[in-house]
PDB file of all heavy atoms in Angstrom:
ATOM      1  N   THR A   1     -11.903 -13.904   7.888  1.00  0.00           N
ATOM      2  CA  THR A   1     -10.965 -13.974   6.711  1.00  0.00           C
ATOM      3  C   THR A   1      -9.748 -13.105   6.894  1.00  0.00           C
ATOM      4  O   THR A   1      -8.721 -13.325   6.273  1.00  0.00           O
ATOM      5  CB  THR A   1     -11.695 -13.634   5.415  1.00  0.00           C
ATOM      6  OG1 THR A   1     -12.100 -12.280   5.440  1.00  0.00           O
ATOM      7  CG2 THR A   1     -12.947 -14.528   5.231  1.00  0.00           C
ATOM      8  N   LEU A   2      -9.923 -12.097   7.700  1.00  0.00           N
ATOM      9  CA  LEU A   2      -8.830 -11.122   7.899  1.00  0.00           C
ATOM     10  C   LEU A   2      -7.753 -11.673   8.855  1.00  0.00           C
ATOM     11  O   LEU A   2      -6.578 -11.266   8.756  1.00  0.00           O
ATOM     12  CB  LEU A   2      -9.384  -9.819   8.459  1.00  0.00           C
ATOM     13  CG  LEU A   2      -8.496  -8.568   8.432  1.00  0.00           C
ATOM     14  CD1 LEU A   2      -8.095  -8.179   7.017  1.00  0.00           C
ATOM     15  CD2 LEU A   2      -9.255  -7.384   9.087  1.00  0.00           C
ATOM     16  N   GLY A   3      -8.122 -12.572   9.738  1.00  0.00           N
ATOM     17  CA  GLY A   3      -7.221 -13.106  10.754  1.00  0.00           C
ATOM     18  C   GLY A   3      -5.957 -13.675  10.177  1.00  0.00           C
ATOM     19  O   GLY A   3      -4.830 -13.312  10.616  1.00  0.00           O
ATOM     20  N   PRO A   4      -6.040 -14.621   9.200  1.00  0.00           N
ATOM     21  CA  PRO A   4      -4.810 -15.249   8.684  1.00  0.00           C
ATOM     22  C   PRO A   4      -3.871 -14.198   8.011  1.00  0.00           C
ATOM     23  O   PRO A   4      -2.665 -14.349   8.078  1.00  0.00           O
ATOM     24  CB  PRO A   4      -5.348 -16.225   7.633  1.00  0.00           C
ATOM     25  CG  PRO A   4      -6.709 -16.547   8.138  1.00  0.00           C
ATOM     26  CD  PRO A   4      -7.246 -15.276   8.713  1.00  0.00           C
ATOM     27  N   ILE A   5      -4.454 -13.161   7.403  1.00  0.00           N
ATOM     28  CA  ILE A   5      -3.651 -12.122   6.817  1.00  0.00           C
ATOM     29  C   ILE A   5      -2.899 -11.370   7.870  1.00  0.00           C
ATOM     30  O   ILE A   5      -1.702 -11.066   7.756  1.00  0.00           O
ATOM     31  CB  ILE A   5      -4.516 -11.178   5.941  1.00  0.00           C
ATOM     32  CG1 ILE A   5      -5.214 -11.965   4.850  1.00  0.00           C
ATOM     33  CG2 ILE A   5      -3.688 -10.048   5.346  1.00  0.00           C
ATOM     34  CD1 ILE A   5      -6.230 -11.163   4.057  1.00  0.00           C
ATOM     35  N   LEU A   6      -3.591 -11.001   8.927  1.00  0.00           N
ATOM     36  CA  LEU A   6      -2.939 -10.282  10.022  1.00  0.00           C
ATOM     37  C   LEU A   6      -1.836 -11.138  10.668  1.00  0.00           C
ATOM     38  O   LEU A   6      -0.777 -10.610  11.015  1.00  0.00           O
ATOM     39  CB  LEU A   6      -3.976  -9.915  11.068  1.00  0.00           C
ATOM     40  CG  LEU A   6      -5.114  -8.906  10.615  1.00  0.00           C
ATOM     41  CD1 LEU A   6      -6.050  -8.632  11.750  1.00  0.00           C
ATOM     42  CD2 LEU A   6      -4.464  -7.612  10.132  1.00  0.00           C
ATOM     43  N   ASN A   7      -2.077 -12.422  10.812  1.00  0.00           N
ATOM     44  CA  ASN A   7      -1.056 -13.291  11.368  1.00  0.00           C
ATOM     45  C   ASN A   7       0.172 -13.336  10.536  1.00  0.00           C
ATOM     46  O   ASN A   7       1.335 -13.365  11.047  1.00  0.00           O
ATOM     47  CB  ASN A   7      -1.607 -14.689  11.559  1.00  0.00           C
ATOM     48  CG  ASN A   7      -2.157 -14.972  12.968  1.00  0.00           C
ATOM     49  OD1 ASN A   7      -1.656 -14.297  13.918  1.00  0.00           O
ATOM     50  ND2 ASN A   7      -3.094 -15.838  13.100  1.00  0.00           N
ATOM     51  N   MET A   8       0.003 -13.299   9.191  1.00  0.00           N
ATOM     52  CA  MET A   8       1.115 -13.311   8.293  1.00  0.00           C
ATOM     53  C   MET A   8       1.994 -12.065   8.501  1.00  0.00           C
ATOM     54  O   MET A   8       3.210 -12.182   8.542  1.00  0.00           O
ATOM     55  CB  MET A   8       0.645 -13.305   6.836  1.00  0.00           C
ATOM     56  CG  MET A   8       1.712 -13.374   5.783  1.00  0.00           C
ATOM     57  SD  MET A   8       1.075 -13.352   4.112  1.00  0.00           S
ATOM     58  CE  MET A   8       0.385 -11.672   4.031  1.00  0.00           C
ATOM     59  N   TYR A   9       1.348 -10.914   8.674  1.00  0.00           N
ATOM     60  CA  TYR A   9       2.097  -9.687   8.928  1.00  0.00           C
ATOM     61  C   TYR A   9       2.681  -9.664  10.303  1.00  0.00           C
ATOM     62  O   TYR A   9       3.774  -9.138  10.501  1.00  0.00           O
ATOM     63  CB  TYR A   9       1.170  -8.476   8.692  1.00  0.00           C
ATOM     64  CG  TYR A   9       1.062  -8.109   7.237  1.00  0.00           C
ATOM     65  CD1 TYR A   9       0.067  -8.641   6.462  1.00  0.00           C
ATOM     66  CD2 TYR A   9       1.937  -7.184   6.653  1.00  0.00           C
ATOM     67  CE1 TYR A   9      -0.065  -8.292   5.115  1.00  0.00           C
ATOM     68  CE2 TYR A   9       1.818  -6.825   5.314  1.00  0.00           C
ATOM     69  CZ  TYR A   9       0.838  -7.373   4.549  1.00  0.00           C
ATOM     70  OH  TYR A   9       0.722  -7.053   3.252  1.00  0.00           O
ATOM     71  N   LEU A  10       1.992 -10.180  11.280  1.00  0.00           N
ATOM     72  CA  LEU A  10       2.478 -10.172  12.673  1.00  0.00           C
ATOM     73  C   LEU A  10       3.733 -11.012  12.804  1.00  0.00           C
ATOM     74  O   LEU A  10       4.479 -10.828  13.753  1.00  0.00           O
ATOM     75  CB  LEU A  10       1.385 -10.639  13.618  1.00  0.00           C
ATOM     76  CG  LEU A  10       0.230  -9.680  13.851  1.00  0.00           C
ATOM     77  CD1 LEU A  10      -0.873 -10.361  14.700  1.00  0.00           C
ATOM     78  CD2 LEU A  10       0.686  -8.391  14.530  1.00  0.00           C
ATOM     79  N   ASN A  11       3.961 -11.937  11.883  1.00  0.00           N
ATOM     80  CA  ASN A  11       5.144 -12.792  11.928  1.00  0.00           C
ATOM     81  C   ASN A  11       6.329 -12.099  11.358  1.00  0.00           C
ATOM     82  O   ASN A  11       7.450 -12.602  11.369  1.00  0.00           O
ATOM     83  CB  ASN A  11       4.905 -14.137  11.179  1.00  0.00           C
ATOM     84  CG  ASN A  11       3.936 -15.042  11.951  1.00  0.00           C
ATOM     85  OD1 ASN A  11       3.932 -15.008  13.204  1.00  0.00           O
ATOM     86  ND2 ASN A  11       3.168 -15.810  11.287  1.00  0.00           N
ATOM     87  N   MET A  12       6.118 -10.880  10.777  1.00  0.00           N
ATOM     88  CA  MET A  12       7.240 -10.099  10.211  1.00  0.00           C
ATOM     89  C   MET A  12       7.837  -9.237  11.308  1.00  0.00           C
ATOM     90  O   MET A  12       7.178  -8.956  12.308  1.00  0.00           O
ATOM     91  CB  MET A  12       6.740  -9.261   9.031  1.00  0.00           C
ATOM     92  CG  MET A  12       6.134 -10.055   7.901  1.00  0.00           C
ATOM     93  SD  MET A  12       5.470  -8.968   6.649  1.00  0.00           S
ATOM     94  CE  MET A  12       4.778 -10.186   5.517  1.00  0.00           C
ATOM     95  N   ALA A  13       9.030  -8.753  11.088  1.00  0.00           N
ATOM     96  CA  ALA A  13       9.710  -7.932  12.111  1.00  0.00           C
ATOM     97  C   ALA A  13       8.963  -6.679  12.441  1.00  0.00           C
ATOM     98  O   ALA A  13       8.820  -6.310  13.619  1.00  0.00           O
ATOM     99  CB  ALA A  13      11.121  -7.608  11.629  1.00  0.00           C
ATOM    100  N   ASN A  14       8.437  -6.033  11.456  1.00  0.00           N
ATOM    101  CA  ASN A  14       7.724  -4.750  11.679  1.00  0.00           C
ATOM    102  C   ASN A  14       6.246  -4.895  11.281  1.00  0.00           C
ATOM    103  O   ASN A  14       5.604  -3.892  10.922  1.00  0.00           O
ATOM    104  CB  ASN A  14       8.363  -3.588  10.863  1.00  0.00           C
ATOM    105  CG  ASN A  14       8.286  -3.839   9.378  1.00  0.00           C
ATOM    106  OD1 ASN A  14       8.215  -4.988   8.935  1.00  0.00           O
ATOM    107  ND2 ASN A  14       8.344  -2.760   8.602  1.00  0.00           N
ATOM    108  N   GLY A  15       5.735  -6.096  11.408  1.00  0.00           N
ATOM    109  CA  GLY A  15       4.336  -6.325  10.946  1.00  0.00           C
ATOM    110  C   GLY A  15       3.336  -5.534  11.772  1.00  0.00           C
ATOM    111  O   GLY A  15       2.369  -5.048  11.235  1.00  0.00           O
ATOM    112  N   GLY A  16       3.525  -5.464  13.090  1.00  0.00           N
ATOM    113  CA  GLY A  16       2.580  -4.745  13.933  1.00  0.00           C
ATOM    114  C   GLY A  16       2.508  -3.278  13.547  1.00  0.00           C
ATOM    115  O   GLY A  16       1.434  -2.652  13.526  1.00  0.00           O
ATOM    116  N   THR A  17       3.681  -2.681  13.224  1.00  0.00           N
ATOM    117  CA  THR A  17       3.718  -1.283  12.808  1.00  0.00           C
ATOM    118  C   THR A  17       2.982  -1.073  11.513  1.00  0.00           C
ATOM    119  O   THR A  17       2.261  -0.108  11.339  1.00  0.00           O
ATOM    120  CB  THR A  17       5.203  -0.807  12.647  1.00  0.00           C
ATOM    121  OG1 THR A  17       5.847  -0.960  13.924  1.00  0.00           O
ATOM    122  CG2 THR A  17       5.233   0.663  12.252  1.00  0.00           C
ATOM    123  N   LEU A  18       3.172  -2.007  10.559  1.00  0.00           N
ATOM    124  CA  LEU A  18       2.493  -1.916   9.244  1.00  0.00           C
ATOM    125  C   LEU A  18       0.980  -1.988   9.434  1.00  0.00           C
ATOM    126  O   LEU A  18       0.247  -1.228   8.804  1.00  0.00           O
ATOM    127  CB  LEU A  18       2.950  -3.074   8.357  1.00  0.00           C
ATOM    128  CG  LEU A  18       4.425  -3.039   7.891  1.00  0.00           C
ATOM    129  CD1 LEU A  18       4.728  -4.300   7.115  1.00  0.00           C
ATOM    130  CD2 LEU A  18       4.704  -1.787   7.088  1.00  0.00           C
ATOM    131  N   ILE A  19       0.506  -2.869  10.304  1.00  0.00           N
ATOM    132  CA  ILE A  19      -0.931  -3.011  10.524  1.00  0.00           C
ATOM    133  C   ILE A  19      -1.519  -1.743  11.154  1.00  0.00           C
ATOM    134  O   ILE A  19      -2.550  -1.217  10.716  1.00  0.00           O
ATOM    135  CB  ILE A  19      -1.225  -4.231  11.454  1.00  0.00           C
ATOM    136  CG1 ILE A  19      -0.848  -5.555  10.700  1.00  0.00           C
ATOM    137  CG2 ILE A  19      -2.669  -4.241  11.923  1.00  0.00           C
ATOM    138  CD1 ILE A  19      -0.957  -6.768  11.524  1.00  0.00           C
ATOM    139  N   MET A  20      -0.841  -1.210  12.133  1.00  0.00           N
ATOM    140  CA  MET A  20      -1.321  -0.004  12.776  1.00  0.00           C
ATOM    141  C   MET A  20      -1.319   1.203  11.822  1.00  0.00           C
ATOM    142  O   MET A  20      -2.189   2.043  11.874  1.00  0.00           O
ATOM    143  CB  MET A  20      -0.500   0.287  14.035  1.00  0.00           C
ATOM    144  CG  MET A  20      -0.665  -0.741  15.146  1.00  0.00           C
ATOM    145  SD  MET A  20      -2.395  -1.047  15.586  1.00  0.00           S
ATOM    146  CE  MET A  20      -2.895   0.548  16.148  1.00  0.00           C
ATOM    147  N   SER A  21      -0.278   1.254  10.967  1.00  0.00           N
ATOM    148  CA  SER A  21      -0.158   2.368  10.010  1.00  0.00           C
ATOM    149  C   SER A  21      -1.300   2.258   8.998  1.00  0.00           C
ATOM    150  O   SER A  21      -1.952   3.261   8.670  1.00  0.00           O
ATOM    151  CB  SER A  21       1.173   2.277   9.301  1.00  0.00           C
ATOM    152  OG  SER A  21       2.255   2.466  10.168  1.00  0.00           O
ATOM    153  N   ALA A  22      -1.587   1.046   8.507  1.00  0.00           N
ATOM    154  CA  ALA A  22      -2.685   0.860   7.551  1.00  0.00           C
ATOM    155  C   ALA A  22      -4.030   1.205   8.209  1.00  0.00           C
ATOM    156  O   ALA A  22      -4.940   1.795   7.595  1.00  0.00           O
ATOM    157  CB  ALA A  22      -2.652  -0.557   7.016  1.00  0.00           C
ATOM    158  N   LEU A  23      -4.163   0.754   9.449  1.00  0.00           N
ATOM    159  CA  LEU A  23      -5.440   0.984  10.149  1.00  0.00           C
ATOM    160  C   LEU A  23      -5.624   2.490  10.414  1.00  0.00           C
ATOM    161  O   LEU A  23      -6.728   3.009  10.181  1.00  0.00           O
ATOM    162  CB  LEU A  23      -5.383   0.262  11.537  1.00  0.00           C
ATOM    163  CG  LEU A  23      -6.706   0.270  12.327  1.00  0.00           C
ATOM    164  CD1 LEU A  23      -7.798  -0.447  11.575  1.00  0.00           C
ATOM    165  CD2 LEU A  23      -6.465  -0.426  13.687  1.00  0.00           C
ATOM    166  N   ALA A  24      -4.577   3.201  10.808  1.00  0.00           N
ATOM    167  CA  ALA A  24      -4.667   4.650  11.055  1.00  0.00           C
ATOM    168  C   ALA A  24      -4.946   5.384   9.756  1.00  0.00           C
ATOM    169  O   ALA A  24      -5.834   6.302   9.754  1.00  0.00           O
ATOM    170  CB  ALA A  24      -3.394   5.154  11.688  1.00  0.00           C
ATOM    171  N   MET A  25      -4.311   5.031   8.677  1.00  0.00           N
ATOM    172  CA  MET A  25      -4.514   5.689   7.394  1.00  0.00           C
ATOM    173  C   MET A  25      -5.927   5.466   6.901  1.00  0.00           C
ATOM    174  O   MET A  25      -6.564   6.354   6.344  1.00  0.00           O
ATOM    175  CB  MET A  25      -3.485   5.205   6.376  1.00  0.00           C
ATOM    176  CG  MET A  25      -3.568   5.919   5.042  1.00  0.00           C
ATOM    177  SD  MET A  25      -3.277   7.686   5.213  1.00  0.00           S
ATOM    178  CE  MET A  25      -1.477   7.689   5.589  1.00  0.00           C
ATOM    179  N   THR A  26      -6.456   4.235   7.117  1.00  0.00           N
ATOM    180  CA  THR A  26      -7.825   3.950   6.693  1.00  0.00           C
ATOM    181  C   THR A  26      -8.814   4.785   7.444  1.00  0.00           C
ATOM    182  O   THR A  26      -9.728   5.343   6.908  1.00  0.00           O
ATOM    183  CB  THR A  26      -8.154   2.446   6.909  1.00  0.00           C
ATOM    184  OG1 THR A  26      -7.190   1.659   6.186  1.00  0.00           O
ATOM    185  CG2 THR A  26      -9.545   2.115   6.446  1.00  0.00           C
ATOM    186  N   GLY A  27      -8.604   4.847   8.776  1.00  0.00           N
ATOM    187  CA  GLY A  27      -9.485   5.680   9.625  1.00  0.00           C
ATOM    188  C   GLY A  27      -9.473   7.140   9.244  1.00  0.00           C
ATOM    189  O   GLY A  27     -10.524   7.804   9.123  1.00  0.00           O
ATOM    190  N   LEU A  28      -8.279   7.682   9.021  1.00  0.00           N
ATOM    191  CA  LEU A  28      -8.114   9.108   8.676  1.00  0.00           C
ATOM    192  C   LEU A  28      -8.776   9.373   7.310  1.00  0.00           C
ATOM    193  O   LEU A  28      -9.389  10.421   7.113  1.00  0.00           O
ATOM    194  CB  LEU A  28      -6.659   9.496   8.674  1.00  0.00           C
ATOM    195  CG  LEU A  28      -5.970   9.600  10.052  1.00  0.00           C
ATOM    196  CD1 LEU A  28      -4.498   9.807   9.884  1.00  0.00           C
ATOM    197  CD2 LEU A  28      -6.581  10.718  10.893  1.00  0.00           C
ATOM    198  N   SER A  29      -8.545   8.433   6.387  1.00  0.00           N
ATOM    199  CA  SER A  29      -9.108   8.597   5.047  1.00  0.00           C
ATOM    200  C   SER A  29     -10.634   8.623   5.086  1.00  0.00           C
ATOM    201  O   SER A  29     -11.299   9.423   4.469  1.00  0.00           O
ATOM    202  CB  SER A  29      -8.618   7.476   4.073  1.00  0.00           C
ATOM    203  OG  SER A  29      -7.238   7.526   3.927  1.00  0.00           O
ATOM    204  N   PHE A  30     -11.167   7.674   5.868  1.00  0.00           N
ATOM    205  CA  PHE A  30     -12.659   7.604   5.975  1.00  0.00           C
ATOM    206  C   PHE A  30     -13.240   8.886   6.575  1.00  0.00           C
ATOM    207  O   PHE A  30     -14.225   9.451   6.122  1.00  0.00           O
ATOM    208  CB  PHE A  30     -13.043   6.376   6.858  1.00  0.00           C
ATOM    209  CG  PHE A  30     -14.521   6.318   7.098  1.00  0.00           C
ATOM    210  CD1 PHE A  30     -15.357   5.952   6.036  1.00  0.00           C
ATOM    211  CD2 PHE A  30     -15.070   6.566   8.342  1.00  0.00           C
ATOM    212  CE1 PHE A  30     -16.739   5.874   6.300  1.00  0.00           C
ATOM    213  CE2 PHE A  30     -16.424   6.497   8.572  1.00  0.00           C
ATOM    214  CZ  PHE A  30     -17.284   6.142   7.521  1.00  0.00           C
ATOM    215  N   MET A  31     -12.610   9.353   7.651  1.00  0.00           N
ATOM    216  CA  MET A  31     -13.087  10.588   8.289  1.00  0.00           C
ATOM    217  C   MET A  31     -12.966  11.794   7.391  1.00  0.00           C
ATOM    218  O   MET A  31     -13.921  12.632   7.273  1.00  0.00           O
ATOM    219  CB  MET A  31     -12.308  10.849   9.609  1.00  0.00           C
ATOM    220  CG  MET A  31     -12.653   9.866  10.732  1.00  0.00           C
ATOM    221  SD  MET A  31     -11.908  10.342  12.319  1.00  0.00           S
ATOM    222  CE  MET A  31     -10.222  10.145  11.988  1.00  0.00           C
ATOM    223  N   GLY A  32     -11.891  11.877   6.641  1.00  0.00           N
ATOM    224  CA  GLY A  32     -11.653  12.998   5.720  1.00  0.00           C
ATOM    225  C   GLY A  32     -12.654  13.012   4.564  1.00  0.00           C
ATOM    226  O   GLY A  32     -13.332  13.990   4.265  1.00  0.00           O
ATOM    227  N   LEU A  33     -12.858  11.829   3.953  1.00  0.00           N
ATOM    228  CA  LEU A  33     -13.794  11.687   2.809  1.00  0.00           C
ATOM    229  C   LEU A  33     -15.217  11.887   3.274  1.00  0.00           C
ATOM    230  O   LEU A  33     -15.974  12.614   2.591  1.00  0.00           O
ATOM    231  CB  LEU A  33     -13.598  10.297   2.210  1.00  0.00           C
ATOM    232  CG  LEU A  33     -12.328  10.027   1.441  1.00  0.00           C
ATOM    233  CD1 LEU A  33     -12.139   8.527   1.207  1.00  0.00           C
ATOM    234  CD2 LEU A  33     -12.215  10.818   0.201  1.00  0.00           C
ATOM    235  N   SER A  34     -15.574  11.315   4.421  1.00  0.00           N
ATOM    236  CA  SER A  34     -16.934  11.508   4.960  1.00  0.00           C
ATOM    237  C   SER A  34     -17.219  12.942   5.303  1.00  0.00           C
ATOM    238  O   SER A  34     -18.317  13.495   4.978  1.00  0.00           O
ATOM    239  CB  SER A  34     -17.144  10.638   6.152  1.00  0.00           C
ATOM    240  OG  SER A  34     -16.999   9.276   5.844  1.00  0.00           O
ATOM    241  N   ALA A  35     -16.269  13.589   5.932  1.00  0.00           N
ATOM    242  CA  ALA A  35     -16.433  14.979   6.317  1.00  0.00           C
ATOM    243  C   ALA A  35     -16.606  15.851   5.084  1.00  0.00           C
ATOM    244  O   ALA A  35     -17.429  16.778   5.049  1.00  0.00           O
ATOM    245  CB  ALA A  35     -15.249  15.476   7.130  1.00  0.00           C
ATOM    246  N   TYR A  36     -15.838  15.616   4.058  1.00  0.00           N
ATOM    247  CA  TYR A  36     -15.921  16.411   2.832  1.00  0.00           C
ATOM    248  C   TYR A  36     -17.307  16.222   2.181  1.00  0.00           C
ATOM    249  O   TYR A  36     -17.942  17.242   1.746  1.00  0.00           O
ATOM    250  CB  TYR A  36     -14.845  15.986   1.857  1.00  0.00           C
ATOM    251  CG  TYR A  36     -14.876  16.742   0.544  1.00  0.00           C
ATOM    252  CD1 TYR A  36     -14.661  18.121   0.544  1.00  0.00           C
ATOM    253  CD2 TYR A  36     -15.096  16.111  -0.641  1.00  0.00           C
ATOM    254  CE1 TYR A  36     -14.651  18.831  -0.652  1.00  0.00           C
ATOM    255  CE2 TYR A  36     -15.127  16.787  -1.827  1.00  0.00           C
ATOM    256  CZ  TYR A  36     -14.927  18.163  -1.839  1.00  0.00           C
ATOM    257  OH  TYR A  36     -14.959  18.858  -3.044  1.00  0.00           O
ATOM    258  N   ALA A  37     -17.769  14.990   2.137  1.00  0.00           N
ATOM    259  CA  ALA A  37     -19.115  14.740   1.540  1.00  0.00           C
ATOM    260  C   ALA A  37     -20.203  15.337   2.368  1.00  0.00           C
ATOM    261  O   ALA A  37     -21.194  15.882   1.821  1.00  0.00           O
ATOM    262  CB  ALA A  37     -19.325  13.225   1.379  1.00  0.00           C
ATOM    263  N   LEU A  38     -20.109  15.274   3.684  1.00  0.00           N
ATOM    264  CA  LEU A  38     -21.108  15.822   4.582  1.00  0.00           C
ATOM    265  C   LEU A  38     -21.140  17.327   4.560  1.00  0.00           C
ATOM    266  O   LEU A  38     -22.267  17.966   4.530  1.00  0.00           O
ATOM    267  CB  LEU A  38     -20.856  15.324   6.006  1.00  0.00           C
ATOM    268  CG  LEU A  38     -21.095  13.897   6.295  1.00  0.00           C
ATOM    269  CD1 LEU A  38     -20.579  13.529   7.683  1.00  0.00           C
ATOM    270  CD2 LEU A  38     -22.587  13.542   6.231  1.00  0.00           C
ATOM    271  N   ILE A  39     -20.008  17.967   4.551  1.00  0.00           N
ATOM    272  CA  ILE A  39     -19.910  19.445   4.612  1.00  0.00           C
ATOM    273  C   ILE A  39     -20.226  20.071   3.241  1.00  0.00           C
ATOM    274  O   ILE A  39     -21.045  21.045   3.159  1.00  0.00           O
ATOM    275  CB  ILE A  39     -18.542  19.915   5.085  1.00  0.00           C
ATOM    276  CG1 ILE A  39     -18.305  19.455   6.539  1.00  0.00           C
ATOM    277  CG2 ILE A  39     -18.415  21.421   4.998  1.00  0.00           C
ATOM    278  CD1 ILE A  39     -16.906  19.686   7.052  1.00  0.00           C
ATOM    279  N   SER A  40     -19.708  19.499   2.210  1.00  0.00           N
ATOM    280  CA  SER A  40     -19.876  20.110   0.878  1.00  0.00           C
ATOM    281  C   SER A  40     -21.328  19.807   0.366  1.00  0.00           C
ATOM    282  O   SER A  40     -21.854  20.573  -0.410  1.00  0.00           O
ATOM    283  CB  SER A  40     -18.874  19.575  -0.092  1.00  0.00           C
ATOM    284  OG  SER A  40     -19.039  18.201  -0.355  1.00  0.00           O
ATOM    285  N   LYS A  41     -21.854  18.572   0.683  1.00  0.00           N
ATOM    286  CA  LYS A  41     -23.141  18.152   0.200  1.00  0.00           C
ATOM    287  C   LYS A  41     -23.213  18.109  -1.308  1.00  0.00           C
ATOM    288  O   LYS A  41     -24.229  18.289  -1.933  1.00  0.00           O
ATOM    289  CB  LYS A  41     -24.272  18.994   0.723  1.00  0.00           C
ATOM    290  CG  LYS A  41     -24.409  18.928   2.268  1.00  0.00           C
ATOM    291  CD  LYS A  41     -25.628  19.688   2.721  1.00  0.00           C
ATOM    292  CE  LYS A  41     -25.743  19.584   4.275  1.00  0.00           C
ATOM    293  NZ  LYS A  41     -26.905  20.307   4.816  1.00  0.00           N
ATOM    294  N   LYS A  42     -22.031  17.851  -1.928  1.00  0.00           N
ATOM    295  CA  LYS A  42     -21.973  17.781  -3.371  1.00  0.00           C
ATOM    296  C   LYS A  42     -22.566  16.497  -3.897  1.00  0.00           C
ATOM    297  O   LYS A  42     -22.683  15.506  -3.215  1.00  0.00           O
ATOM    298  CB  LYS A  42     -20.489  17.864  -3.811  1.00  0.00           C
ATOM    299  CG  LYS A  42     -19.862  19.237  -3.662  1.00  0.00           C
ATOM    300  CD  LYS A  42     -18.433  19.242  -4.281  1.00  0.00           C
ATOM    301  CE  LYS A  42     -17.828  20.617  -4.167  1.00  0.00           C
ATOM    302  NZ  LYS A  42     -16.439  20.663  -4.735  1.00  0.00           N
TER     303      LYS A  42
END
């Protein structure tokens, strides 16, 4: 289901950059949130 959405962005001038930015931010957010929950054990 994600494929058609990615294709829509890839057809834009800076679509590839937007996808990579969103992917990087998602990864960093997950690592940060997970690390906080793991270390704090709150």
